PDB file of N, CA and C in Angstrom:
ATOM      1  N   MET A   1       0.872  -1.181   0.104  1.00  0.00           N
ATOM      2  CA  MET A   1      -0.014   0.018   0.012  1.00  0.00           C
ATOM      3  C   MET A   1       0.816   1.215   0.044  1.00  0.00           C
ATOM      4  N   GLY A   2       0.314   2.229  -0.627  1.00  0.00           N
ATOM      5  CA  GLY A   2       1.060   3.481  -0.720  1.00  0.00           C
ATOM      6  C   GLY A   2       0.601   4.488   0.458  1.00  0.00           C
ATOM      7  N   GLU A   3       0.870   5.698   0.256  1.00  0.00           N
ATOM      8  CA  GLU A   3       0.624   6.604   1.457  1.00  0.00           C
ATOM      9  C   GLU A   3      -0.898   7.131   1.322  1.00  0.00           C
ATOM     10  N   LEU A   4      -1.558   6.779   0.260  1.00  0.00           N
ATOM     11  CA  LEU A   4      -3.025   7.351   0.182  1.00  0.00           C
ATOM     12  C   LEU A   4      -3.821   6.278   1.187  1.00  0.00           C
ATOM     13  N   ALA A   5      -3.499   5.171   1.137  1.00  0.00           N
ATOM     14  CA  ALA A   5      -4.203   4.150   1.845  1.00  0.00           C
ATOM     15  C   ALA A   5      -4.193   4.421   3.437  1.00  0.00           C
ATOM     16  N   ASN A   6      -3.208   5.278   3.799  1.00  0.00           N
ATOM     17  CA  ASN A   6      -3.010   5.482   5.299  1.00  0.00           C
ATOM     18  C   ASN A   6      -3.955   6.686   5.592  1.00  0.00           C
ATOM     19  N   LEU A   7      -4.616   7.339   4.735  1.00  0.00           N
ATOM     20  CA  LEU A   7      -5.742   8.207   5.105  1.00  0.00           C
ATOM     21  C   LEU A   7      -6.977   7.715   5.512  1.00  0.00           C
ATOM     22  N   ILE A   8      -7.638   8.398   6.250  1.00  0.00           N
ATOM     23  CA  ILE A   8      -9.073   7.978   6.631  1.00  0.00           C
ATOM     24  C   ILE A   8      -9.874   7.725   5.502  1.00  0.00           C
ATOM     25  N   ASN A   9     -10.761   6.654   5.640  1.00  0.00           N
ATOM     26  CA  ASN A   9     -11.726   6.326   4.428  1.00  0.00           C
ATOM     27  C   ASN A   9     -11.194   5.918   3.114  1.00  0.00           C
ATOM     28  N   ILE A  10      -9.756   5.720   3.030  1.00  0.00           N
ATOM     29  CA  ILE A  10      -9.083   5.295   1.864  1.00  0.00           C
ATOM     30  C   ILE A  10      -8.514   4.033   1.988  1.00  0.00           C
ATOM     31  N   GLY A  11      -9.034   3.085   1.406  1.00  0.00           N
ATOM     32  CA  GLY A  11      -8.385   1.758   1.560  1.00  0.00           C
ATOM     33  C   GLY A  11      -7.553   1.378   0.191  1.00  0.00           C
ATOM     34  N   LYS A  12      -7.401   0.162   0.142  1.00  0.00           N
ATOM     35  CA  LYS A  12      -6.361  -0.284  -0.953  1.00  0.00           C
ATOM     36  C   LYS A  12      -7.181   0.077  -2.331  1.00  0.00           C
ATOM     37  N   THR A  13      -8.575  -0.353  -2.451  1.00  0.00           N
ATOM     38  CA  THR A  13      -9.188  -0.217  -3.727  1.00  0.00           C
ATOM     39  C   THR A  13      -9.295   1.120  -4.074  1.00  0.00           C
ATOM     40  N   VAL A  14      -9.688   2.082  -3.284  1.00  0.00           N
ATOM     41  CA  VAL A  14      -9.785   3.637  -3.516  1.00  0.00           C
ATOM     42  C   VAL A  14      -8.309   4.159  -3.999  1.00  0.00           C
ATOM     43  N   GLU A  15      -7.551   3.677  -3.208  1.00  0.00           N
ATOM     44  CA  GLU A  15      -5.970   3.989  -3.500  1.00  0.00           C
ATOM     45  C   GLU A  15      -5.654   3.642  -4.857  1.00  0.00           C
ATOM     46  N   GLU A  16      -6.094   2.447  -5.360  1.00  0.00           N
ATOM     47  CA  GLU A  16      -5.798   1.866  -6.812  1.00  0.00           C
ATOM     48  C   GLU A  16      -6.477   2.723  -7.748  1.00  0.00           C
ATOM     49  N   GLN A  17      -7.597   3.164  -7.349  1.00  0.00           N
ATOM     50  CA  GLN A  17      -8.344   3.881  -8.388  1.00  0.00           C
ATOM     51  C   GLN A  17      -7.927   5.327  -8.485  1.00  0.00           C
ATOM     52  N   LEU A  18      -7.480   5.785  -7.261  1.00  0.00           N
ATOM     53  CA  LEU A  18      -6.747   7.243  -7.365  1.00  0.00           C
ATOM     54  C   LEU A  18      -5.591   7.094  -8.320  1.00  0.00           C
ATOM     55  N   ASN A  19      -4.792   6.083  -8.099  1.00  0.00           N
ATOM     56  CA  ASN A  19      -3.594   5.952  -8.835  1.00  0.00           C
ATOM     57  C   ASN A  19      -3.963   5.892 -10.310  1.00  0.00           C
ATOM     58  N   GLN A  20      -4.845   5.276 -10.612  1.00  0.00           N
ATOM     59  CA  GLN A  20      -5.215   4.954 -12.118  1.00  0.00           C
ATOM     60  C   GLN A  20      -5.779   6.338 -12.658  1.00  0.00           C
ATOM     61  N   VAL A  21      -6.117   7.275 -11.969  1.00  0.00           N
ATOM     62  CA  VAL A  21      -6.586   8.761 -12.436  1.00  0.00           C
ATOM     63  C   VAL A  21      -5.298   9.742 -12.382  1.00  0.00           C
ATOM     64  N   GLY A  22      -4.225   9.093 -12.001  1.00  0.00           N
ATOM     65  CA  GLY A  22      -2.926  10.030 -11.680  1.00  0.00           C
ATOM     66  C   GLY A  22      -2.754  10.704 -10.321  1.00  0.00           C
ATOM     67  N   ILE A  23      -3.406  10.191  -9.331  1.00  0.00           N
ATOM     68  CA  ILE A  23      -3.413  10.704  -8.117  1.00  0.00           C
ATOM     69  C   ILE A  23      -2.638   9.697  -7.162  1.00  0.00           C
ATOM     70  N   THR A  24      -1.349  10.108  -6.833  1.00  0.00           N
ATOM     71  CA  THR A  24      -0.513   9.096  -6.274  1.00  0.00           C
ATOM     72  C   THR A  24      -0.040   9.504  -4.774  1.00  0.00           C
ATOM     73  N   THR A  25      -0.295  10.876  -4.482  1.00  0.00           N
ATOM     74  CA  THR A  25       0.396  11.240  -3.013  1.00  0.00           C
ATOM     75  C   THR A  25      -0.905  12.165  -2.464  1.00  0.00           C
ATOM     76  N   CYS A  26      -0.693  12.230  -1.226  1.00  0.00           N
ATOM     77  CA  CYS A  26      -1.515  13.125  -0.525  1.00  0.00           C
ATOM     78  C   CYS A  26      -1.649  14.411  -0.867  1.00  0.00           C
ATOM     79  N   GLU A  27      -0.468  15.028  -1.346  1.00  0.00           N
ATOM     80  CA  GLU A  27      -0.497  16.462  -1.776  1.00  0.00           C
ATOM     81  C   GLU A  27      -1.284  16.571  -3.160  1.00  0.00           C
ATOM     82  N   GLN A  28      -1.248  15.495  -4.032  1.00  0.00           N
ATOM     83  CA  GLN A  28      -1.986  15.607  -5.168  1.00  0.00           C
ATOM     84  C   GLN A  28      -3.500  15.441  -4.936  1.00  0.00           C
ATOM     85  N   LEU A  29      -3.789  14.761  -3.962  1.00  0.00           N
ATOM     86  CA  LEU A  29      -5.235  14.543  -3.648  1.00  0.00           C
ATOM     87  C   LEU A  29      -5.737  15.810  -2.775  1.00  0.00           C
ATOM     88  N   LYS A  30      -5.011  16.454  -2.161  1.00  0.00           N
ATOM     89  CA  LYS A  30      -5.493  17.626  -1.453  1.00  0.00           C
ATOM     90  C   LYS A  30      -5.652  18.778  -2.573  1.00  0.00           C
ATOM     91  N   LYS A  31      -4.735  18.750  -3.643  1.00  0.00           N
ATOM     92  CA  LYS A  31      -4.786  19.812  -4.567  1.00  0.00           C
ATOM     93  C   LYS A  31      -5.935  19.704  -5.449  1.00  0.00           C
ATOM     94  N   THR A  32      -6.152  18.379  -5.881  1.00  0.00           N
ATOM     95  CA  THR A  32      -7.343  17.985  -6.723  1.00  0.00           C
ATOM     96  C   THR A  32      -8.682  18.278  -6.053  1.00  0.00           C
ATOM     97  N   GLY A  33      -8.863  17.934  -4.754  1.00  0.00           N
ATOM     98  CA  GLY A  33     -10.091  18.021  -3.955  1.00  0.00           C
ATOM     99  C   GLY A  33     -10.702  16.732  -4.003  1.00  0.00           C
ATOM    100  N   SER A  34     -11.608  16.596  -3.244  1.00  0.00           N
ATOM    101  CA  SER A  34     -12.425  15.325  -3.053  1.00  0.00           C
ATOM    102  C   SER A  34     -13.442  15.173  -4.151  1.00  0.00           C
ATOM    103  N   LYS A  35     -13.958  16.083  -4.436  1.00  0.00           N
ATOM    104  CA  LYS A  35     -15.208  16.263  -5.552  1.00  0.00           C
ATOM    105  C   LYS A  35     -14.688  15.804  -7.053  1.00  0.00           C
ATOM    106  N   GLU A  36     -13.453  16.731  -7.299  1.00  0.00           N
ATOM    107  CA  GLU A  36     -12.898  16.406  -8.607  1.00  0.00           C
ATOM    108  C   GLU A  36     -12.405  14.981  -8.626  1.00  0.00           C
ATOM    109  N   SER A  37     -11.614  14.574  -7.473  1.00  0.00           N
ATOM    110  CA  SER A  37     -11.048  13.262  -7.408  1.00  0.00           C
ATOM    111  C   SER A  37     -11.986  12.039  -7.698  1.00  0.00           C
ATOM    112  N   TRP A  38     -13.316  12.290  -7.064  1.00  0.00           N
ATOM    113  CA  TRP A  38     -14.264  11.318  -7.207  1.00  0.00           C
ATOM    114  C   TRP A  38     -14.851  11.401  -8.638  1.00  0.00           C
ATOM    115  N   LEU A  39     -14.992  12.544  -9.333  1.00  0.00           N
ATOM    116  CA  LEU A  39     -15.467  12.502 -10.565  1.00  0.00           C
ATOM    117  C   LEU A  39     -14.305  11.917 -11.510  1.00  0.00           C
ATOM    118  N   LYS A  40     -13.017  11.929 -11.335  1.00  0.00           N
ATOM    119  CA  LYS A  40     -12.164  11.216 -12.046  1.00  0.00           C
ATOM    120  C   LYS A  40     -12.279   9.758 -11.960  1.00  0.00           C
ATOM    121  N   ILE A  41     -12.489   9.408 -10.743  1.00  0.00           N
ATOM    122  CA  ILE A  41     -12.710   7.810 -10.478  1.00  0.00           C
ATOM    123  C   ILE A  41     -14.006   7.377 -11.224  1.00  0.00           C
ATOM    124  N   LYS A  42     -15.082   8.247 -11.139  1.00  0.00           N
ATOM    125  CA  LYS A  42     -16.413   7.828 -11.732  1.00  0.00           C
ATOM    126  C   LYS A  42     -16.213   7.692 -13.117  1.00  0.00           C
ATOM    127  N   ALA A  43     -15.386   8.437 -13.796  1.00  0.00           N
ATOM    128  CA  ALA A  43     -15.053   8.418 -15.239  1.00  0.00           C
ATOM    129  C   ALA A  43     -14.539   7.169 -15.604  1.00  0.00           C
ATOM    130  N   ILE A  44     -13.923   6.361 -14.877  1.00  0.00           N
ATOM    131  CA  ILE A  44     -13.197   5.098 -15.187  1.00  0.00           C
ATOM    132  C   ILE A  44     -13.811   3.957 -14.624  1.00  0.00           C
ATOM    133  N   ASP A  45     -14.754   4.217 -13.621  1.00  0.00           N
ATOM    134  CA  ASP A  45     -15.443   3.229 -12.856  1.00  0.00           C
ATOM    135  C   ASP A  45     -16.921   3.673 -12.596  1.00  0.00           C
ATOM    136  N   ALA A  46     -17.855   3.230 -13.330  1.00  0.00           N
ATOM    137  CA  ALA A  46     -19.396   3.559 -13.323  1.00  0.00           C
ATOM    138  C   ALA A  46     -19.952   3.241 -11.875  1.00  0.00           C
ATOM    139  N   SER A  47     -19.245   2.273 -11.361  1.00  0.00           N
ATOM    140  CA  SER A  47     -19.928   1.659 -10.012  1.00  0.00           C
ATOM    141  C   SER A  47     -19.321   2.560  -8.895  1.00  0.00           C
ATOM    142  N   ALA A  48     -18.654   3.479  -9.115  1.00  0.00           N
ATOM    143  CA  ALA A  48     -18.074   4.438  -8.036  1.00  0.00           C
ATOM    144  C   ALA A  48     -19.169   5.216  -7.450  1.00  0.00           C
TER     145      ALA A  48
END
């Protein structure tokens, strides 16, 4: 597991999805924001 999985409410699966959309660090996630990050994941996984 990477650093994202250490955050609250982010497990291995969500971390993998974030990595797939180019978010691999806590700083990138913070900069992107939760809503935009979710929209990026939704674009690659309709079940999100």
